[in-house]
Amino acid sequence: MPAATNRTIAVFGGTGFLGRRIVRHLRSSEFRVRIVSRHADQAQRSFGSDDPKLQFAQADIQHERSVADALAGAYGTVNAVSLYVEQGRMTFHSIHVDSARRVAAQARLAGVQRLVHISGIGANNRSSSRYIRMRGEGELAIRAAFADAILVRPAVMFGEDDAFVATILELLRKLPIYPMFGRGQTRLQPVDAEDVAEAITQLFLRSEVHSRLFELGGPRVYSYEELLRAVAREAGLSPMLVPIPFAAWHGLAWISEMLPRPRLARNQVELMQIDTVASPEIAGFAELGIPPHSIEETVQKLLLKRDARPGQIA
């Protein structure tokens, strides 16, 4: 296998929450990285133009020609594009199935040697949830178009600039009574997005990968209630947690999706109704030699950043 410095990895969705981290980890391992997005000029401003091994390609994942152009000459590619709220022609089927198939098919035609697709734990083409079902159908479509594609299913991801831990922490501080999803019994195995990005990088560094499916979960499984209490404990808080029926959450999400920047989507509520825990029978971090970080570590980093802000009142 050629040296990493001679290999280009095209990252679709390279400006997103996970995508930015994938780009950074690949560059740290001396890969050339082509950041593929609909707005290449914005991506260039975000990453800067002083790194000669960063390339910027403008492409619409729903447009076959632009996808093909973005993959030209690439050794590998990552599809980190995701959609949480449908809008116009941006539907779960168009992004998670049709566009995923398009990237896989064009990657095969371009002679790309390794394709990594980001899916999610729980993806199931027979699910009653449209979002989860489209994720599952997308995996089947990718495998049909690119038989050796590697599927990576992270659990719910967290990070220092996320909408998960940071939001929980903010609400725990502000609300005397914290509304829980259902009775708080859903089992979660939250995973650090940095660890997921490193896992993806390892999949390109290793000449032999013995699995085509990886499920990536953090070091501990929590019930949702246990997770809230763990975050609160790190912040020195003692919240009153109140169960709220999922039917009520679905109604709130439906209203939220009408807003320009929804804070809650129905598919997020659906995901909170199922356990998202990595299967011990499927390859994961252990096979890649990565010890995953805990959510408590990220909470401490967030608290330190908050306390370091000038004029911050505790």
Protein backbone atom coordinates (compact mmCIF):
# COMPACT_ATOMS: atom_id res chain seq x y z
CA MET A 1 0.00 0.00 0.00
CA PRO A 2 1.45 3.45 -0.93
CA ALA A 3 2.55 5.90 1.76
CA ALA A 4 -0.16 8.06 3.30
CA THR A 5 1.50 11.21 1.90
CA ASN A 6 0.73 10.01 -1.63
CA ARG A 7 -2.90 9.16 -0.97
CA THR A 8 -5.87 11.49 -1.29
CA ILE A 9 -9.03 10.88 0.72
CA ALA A 10 -12.19 12.67 -0.47
CA VAL A 11 -14.41 13.49 2.50
CA PHE A 12 -18.05 14.17 1.65
CA GLY A 13 -19.57 16.18 4.49
CA GLY A 14 -16.11 17.35 5.56
CA THR A 15 -17.48 20.55 7.08
CA GLY A 16 -19.95 18.84 9.43
CA PHE A 17 -19.67 17.95 13.12
CA LEU A 18 -17.95 14.61 12.46
CA GLY A 19 -16.55 15.53 9.05
CA ARG A 20 -14.34 18.34 10.42
CA ARG A 21 -12.79 15.90 12.86
CA ILE A 22 -12.24 13.28 10.16
CA VAL A 23 -10.40 15.85 8.06
CA ARG A 24 -8.19 16.86 10.99
CA HIS A 25 -7.33 13.28 11.97
CA LEU A 26 -6.55 12.27 8.38
CA ARG A 27 -4.24 15.27 8.00
CA SER A 28 -2.51 14.40 11.28
CA SER A 29 -1.69 11.05 9.66
CA GLU A 30 -0.27 12.84 6.60
CA PHE A 31 -3.04 12.02 4.14
CA ARG A 32 -3.94 14.51 1.47
CA VAL A 33 -7.58 15.43 2.10
CA ARG A 34 -10.14 16.70 -0.39
CA ILE A 35 -13.01 18.38 1.45
CA VAL A 36 -16.14 17.93 -0.64
CA SER A 37 -19.05 20.27 0.06
CA ARG A 38 -21.72 22.30 -1.68
CA HIS A 39 -19.94 25.52 -0.71
CA ALA A 40 -16.22 25.03 -1.29
CA ASP A 41 -15.47 28.73 -0.70
CA GLN A 42 -17.01 28.56 2.79
CA ALA A 43 -15.09 25.37 3.53
CA GLN A 44 -11.86 27.05 2.46
CA ARG A 45 -12.52 30.00 4.75
CA SER A 46 -13.29 27.62 7.61
CA PHE A 47 -10.15 25.48 7.21
CA GLY A 48 -7.83 28.14 5.78
CA SER A 49 -5.72 27.88 2.67
CA ASP A 50 -2.23 27.58 4.18
CA ASP A 51 -2.16 23.75 4.10
CA PRO A 52 -0.97 22.57 0.65
CA LYS A 53 -2.33 19.08 1.31
CA LEU A 54 -5.90 20.28 1.79
CA GLN A 55 -8.02 20.42 -1.35
CA PHE A 56 -11.51 21.86 -1.71
CA ALA A 57 -14.07 20.48 -4.16
CA GLN A 58 -17.53 21.88 -4.75
CA ALA A 59 -20.08 19.15 -5.30
CA ASP A 60 -23.73 18.39 -4.71
CA ILE A 61 -24.05 14.84 -3.44
CA GLN A 62 -27.33 14.61 -5.37
CA HIS A 63 -25.60 15.45 -8.68
CA GLU A 64 -23.80 12.55 -10.34
CA ARG A 65 -21.30 14.53 -12.43
CA SER A 66 -20.09 16.64 -9.54
CA VAL A 67 -19.70 13.56 -7.34
CA ALA A 68 -17.65 11.87 -10.06
CA ASP A 69 -15.42 14.94 -10.42
CA ALA A 70 -14.87 15.12 -6.67
CA LEU A 71 -13.69 11.49 -6.63
CA ALA A 72 -11.27 11.74 -9.55
CA GLY A 73 -7.83 10.49 -8.55
CA ALA A 74 -8.80 9.72 -4.94
CA TYR A 75 -7.41 6.66 -3.19
CA GLY A 76 -10.28 6.58 -0.72
CA THR A 77 -13.45 8.35 0.27
CA VAL A 78 -15.61 8.91 3.34
CA ASN A 79 -19.32 9.65 3.13
CA ALA A 80 -20.11 11.59 6.31
CA VAL A 81 -23.18 13.35 4.90
CA SER A 82 -26.29 13.08 7.04
CA LEU A 83 -29.72 14.65 7.26
CA TYR A 84 -31.89 15.05 10.35
CA VAL A 85 -34.75 17.22 9.07
CA GLU A 86 -36.27 16.82 5.60
CA GLN A 87 -36.64 19.95 3.48
CA GLY A 88 -37.73 20.08 -0.13
CA ARG A 89 -35.67 17.70 -2.27
CA MET A 90 -33.46 16.95 0.74
CA THR A 91 -35.25 13.86 2.05
CA PHE A 92 -34.05 10.89 4.07
CA HIS A 93 -34.35 8.72 0.96
CA SER A 94 -32.57 11.16 -1.35
CA ILE A 95 -29.60 11.61 1.03
CA HIS A 96 -29.28 8.35 2.93
CA VAL A 97 -30.20 6.01 0.07
CA ASP A 98 -29.96 7.62 -3.38
CA SER A 99 -26.96 9.86 -2.66
CA ALA A 100 -25.16 7.16 -0.67
CA ARG A 101 -25.62 4.79 -3.62
CA ARG A 102 -24.39 7.54 -5.98
CA VAL A 103 -21.17 8.08 -4.05
CA ALA A 104 -20.53 4.33 -3.85
CA ALA A 105 -21.21 3.73 -7.54
CA GLN A 106 -19.05 6.65 -8.67
CA ALA A 107 -16.29 5.59 -6.28
CA ARG A 108 -16.23 2.15 -7.88
CA LEU A 109 -16.14 3.64 -11.39
CA ALA A 110 -13.32 6.02 -10.36
CA GLY A 111 -11.19 3.15 -9.07
CA VAL A 112 -11.38 4.28 -5.44
CA GLN A 113 -9.82 1.53 -3.35
CA ARG A 114 -11.47 2.12 0.02
CA LEU A 115 -14.87 3.58 0.84
CA VAL A 116 -16.02 4.27 4.40
CA HIS A 117 -19.68 5.13 4.91
CA ILE A 118 -20.95 6.62 8.18
CA SER A 119 -24.26 5.11 9.21
CA GLY A 120 -25.52 4.68 12.77
CA ILE A 121 -26.19 2.00 15.38
CA GLY A 122 -29.75 0.85 14.96
CA ALA A 123 -29.87 1.27 11.17
CA ASN A 124 -32.53 -1.18 10.01
CA ASN A 125 -34.27 -1.40 6.65
CA ARG A 126 -37.32 -2.95 8.37
CA SER A 127 -37.77 -0.28 11.04
CA SER A 128 -41.13 1.47 11.43
CA SER A 129 -39.18 4.74 11.74
CA ARG A 130 -38.64 6.24 8.29
CA TYR A 131 -35.31 7.78 9.31
CA ILE A 132 -33.91 4.52 10.71
CA ARG A 133 -35.33 2.55 7.78
CA MET A 134 -33.64 4.85 5.23
CA ARG A 135 -30.35 4.43 7.07
CA GLY A 136 -30.73 0.67 6.74
CA GLU A 137 -31.72 0.84 3.07
CA GLY A 138 -28.74 3.10 2.47
CA GLU A 139 -26.37 0.45 3.82
CA LEU A 140 -27.85 -2.14 1.43
CA ALA A 141 -27.60 0.27 -1.51
CA ILE A 142 -23.94 0.97 -0.77
CA ARG A 143 -23.02 -2.68 -0.51
CA ALA A 144 -24.78 -3.36 -3.82
CA ALA A 145 -22.78 -0.61 -5.55
CA PHE A 146 -19.41 -1.10 -3.78
CA ALA A 147 -19.15 -4.59 -2.32
CA ASP A 148 -16.07 -3.87 -0.19
CA ALA A 149 -17.44 -0.69 1.39
CA ILE A 150 -16.78 -0.39 5.13
CA LEU A 151 -19.82 0.62 7.16
CA VAL A 152 -19.21 2.51 10.39
CA ARG A 153 -22.10 2.82 12.84
CA PRO A 154 -21.37 5.22 15.69
CA ALA A 155 -23.57 5.48 18.76
CA VAL A 156 -24.85 8.97 19.63
CA MET A 157 -21.79 11.21 19.31
CA PHE A 158 -20.59 13.92 21.64
CA GLY A 159 -17.83 16.52 21.50
CA GLU A 160 -16.83 19.92 22.79
CA ASP A 161 -18.93 21.77 20.20
CA ASP A 162 -21.81 19.33 19.98
CA ALA A 163 -25.57 19.68 20.29
CA PHE A 164 -25.80 16.79 22.74
CA VAL A 165 -23.66 17.13 25.88
CA ALA A 166 -23.40 20.92 25.62
CA THR A 167 -27.19 21.21 25.32
CA ILE A 168 -27.79 18.84 28.24
CA LEU A 169 -25.33 20.81 30.37
CA GLU A 170 -26.89 24.13 29.43
CA LEU A 171 -30.42 22.94 30.20
CA LEU A 172 -29.42 21.27 33.46
CA ARG A 173 -27.99 24.59 34.65
CA LYS A 174 -31.02 26.61 33.57
CA LEU A 175 -33.97 24.36 34.37
CA PRO A 176 -34.96 23.53 37.96
CA ILE A 177 -36.96 20.60 36.53
CA TYR A 178 -35.44 18.63 33.65
CA PRO A 179 -37.85 16.86 31.24
CA MET A 180 -36.70 13.35 30.33
CA PHE A 181 -37.45 11.36 27.20
CA GLY A 182 -40.02 8.86 28.45
CA ARG A 183 -39.05 7.27 31.75
CA GLY A 184 -35.35 7.63 31.03
CA GLN A 185 -34.76 3.90 30.56
CA THR A 186 -33.44 3.91 26.97
CA ARG A 187 -29.89 2.54 26.94
CA LEU A 188 -27.18 4.68 25.34
CA GLN A 189 -23.47 4.23 24.74
CA PRO A 190 -22.37 7.77 23.78
CA VAL A 191 -19.12 8.00 21.85
CA ASP A 192 -16.58 10.80 21.48
CA ALA A 193 -16.61 12.10 17.90
CA GLU A 194 -12.81 12.43 18.06
CA ASP A 195 -12.56 8.69 18.70
CA VAL A 196 -14.85 7.99 15.74
CA ALA A 197 -12.68 10.20 13.51
CA GLU A 198 -9.56 8.37 14.67
CA ALA A 199 -11.21 5.01 13.97
CA ILE A 200 -11.97 6.10 10.41
CA THR A 201 -8.37 7.23 9.97
CA GLN A 202 -7.16 3.83 11.16
CA LEU A 203 -9.36 2.16 8.55
CA PHE A 204 -7.31 3.96 5.89
CA LEU A 205 -3.95 3.43 7.56
CA ARG A 206 -4.32 -0.33 7.91
CA SER A 207 -3.58 -2.37 4.82
CA GLU A 208 -5.72 -5.23 6.14
CA VAL A 209 -9.16 -4.61 7.60
CA HIS A 210 -10.79 -7.81 8.78
CA SER A 211 -14.32 -6.48 9.05
CA ARG A 212 -16.63 -4.55 6.75
CA LEU A 213 -18.85 -3.42 9.60
CA PHE A 214 -17.89 -1.55 12.76
CA GLU A 215 -20.07 -0.38 15.62
CA LEU A 216 -18.47 2.31 17.76
CA GLY A 217 -19.69 2.99 21.27
CA GLY A 218 -18.11 4.70 24.25
CA PRO A 219 -16.61 2.99 27.31
CA ARG A 220 -19.88 2.84 29.27
CA VAL A 221 -23.54 2.02 28.69
CA TYR A 222 -26.00 4.30 30.51
CA SER A 223 -29.73 4.51 30.80
CA TYR A 224 -30.79 7.98 29.67
CA GLU A 225 -31.52 8.87 33.30
CA GLU A 226 -28.08 7.65 34.39
CA LEU A 227 -26.48 9.73 31.65
CA LEU A 228 -28.27 12.89 32.79
CA ARG A 229 -27.24 12.27 36.38
CA ALA A 230 -23.62 11.62 35.35
CA VAL A 231 -23.42 14.93 33.45
CA ALA A 232 -25.13 16.76 36.33
CA ARG A 233 -22.76 15.21 38.87
CA GLU A 234 -19.71 16.42 36.93
CA ALA A 235 -21.19 19.93 36.95
CA GLY A 236 -22.06 19.81 40.65
CA LEU A 237 -25.80 19.89 39.95
CA SER A 238 -28.72 17.96 41.49
CA PRO A 239 -31.59 18.26 39.01
CA MET A 240 -35.14 17.04 39.43
CA LEU A 241 -35.74 14.71 36.49
CA VAL A 242 -39.34 14.41 35.32
CA PRO A 243 -40.55 11.72 32.85
CA ILE A 244 -42.35 13.11 29.78
CA PRO A 245 -44.24 10.68 27.48
CA PHE A 246 -42.74 10.17 24.04
CA ALA A 247 -46.06 11.20 22.45
CA ALA A 248 -45.56 14.68 23.89
CA TRP A 249 -41.99 14.81 22.58
CA HIS A 250 -43.18 13.86 19.08
CA GLY A 251 -45.62 16.77 19.18
CA LEU A 252 -42.92 19.20 20.30
CA ALA A 253 -40.56 17.94 17.59
CA TRP A 254 -43.23 18.37 14.92
CA ILE A 255 -43.63 22.01 15.94
CA SER A 256 -39.85 22.49 16.18
CA GLU A 257 -39.34 21.26 12.63
CA MET A 258 -41.42 24.18 11.35
CA LEU A 259 -38.81 26.62 12.64
CA PRO A 260 -35.87 27.83 10.49
CA ARG A 261 -33.36 26.16 12.83
CA PRO A 262 -35.17 23.34 14.66
CA ARG A 263 -33.74 22.35 18.04
CA LEU A 264 -35.54 19.02 18.02
CA ALA A 265 -36.51 16.65 15.19
CA ARG A 266 -38.95 13.75 15.18
CA ASN A 267 -36.25 11.31 14.12
CA GLN A 268 -34.25 12.31 17.21
CA VAL A 269 -37.25 11.41 19.36
CA GLU A 270 -37.57 8.09 17.52
CA LEU A 271 -33.89 7.34 18.15
CA MET A 272 -34.39 8.03 21.85
CA GLN A 273 -36.99 5.26 21.95
CA ILE A 274 -34.54 2.52 20.98
CA ASP A 275 -31.35 1.31 22.64
CA THR A 276 -28.22 2.41 20.76
CA VAL A 277 -25.56 0.10 22.15
CA ALA A 278 -22.70 -1.43 20.17
CA SER A 279 -23.03 -5.18 19.67
CA PRO A 280 -20.19 -7.21 21.22
CA GLU A 281 -20.43 -9.51 18.20
CA ILE A 282 -19.50 -6.72 15.76
CA ALA A 283 -16.01 -5.21 15.38
CA GLY A 284 -15.39 -1.96 17.21
CA PHE A 285 -12.71 0.18 18.82
CA ALA A 286 -10.85 -2.82 20.27
CA GLU A 287 -10.09 -4.18 16.79
CA LEU A 288 -8.61 -0.79 15.86
CA GLY A 289 -6.56 -0.40 19.04
CA ILE A 290 -8.44 2.69 20.25
CA PRO A 291 -9.43 3.19 23.92
CA PRO A 292 -12.58 5.38 23.76
CA HIS A 293 -12.92 8.49 25.93
CA SER A 294 -15.71 8.96 28.46
CA ILE A 295 -18.44 11.55 28.33
CA GLU A 296 -17.36 12.78 31.78
CA GLU A 297 -14.03 13.91 30.28
CA THR A 298 -15.83 16.06 27.73
CA VAL A 299 -18.08 17.59 30.38
CA GLN A 300 -14.98 18.60 32.36
CA LYS A 301 -13.48 20.24 29.26
CA LEU A 302 -16.71 22.16 28.66
CA LEU A 303 -16.76 23.34 32.27
CA LEU A 304 -13.12 24.46 32.09
CA LYS A 305 -13.83 26.42 28.90
CA ARG A 306 -16.84 28.06 30.51
CA ASP A 307 -14.87 29.00 33.61
CA ALA A 308 -12.05 30.42 31.48
CA ARG A 309 -14.28 32.91 29.68
CA PRO A 310 -13.67 36.53 30.75
CA GLY A 311 -16.44 37.82 32.98
CA GLN A 312 -18.07 34.39 33.20
CA ILE A 313 -20.43 34.15 36.15
CA ALA A 314 -20.75 30.68 37.61
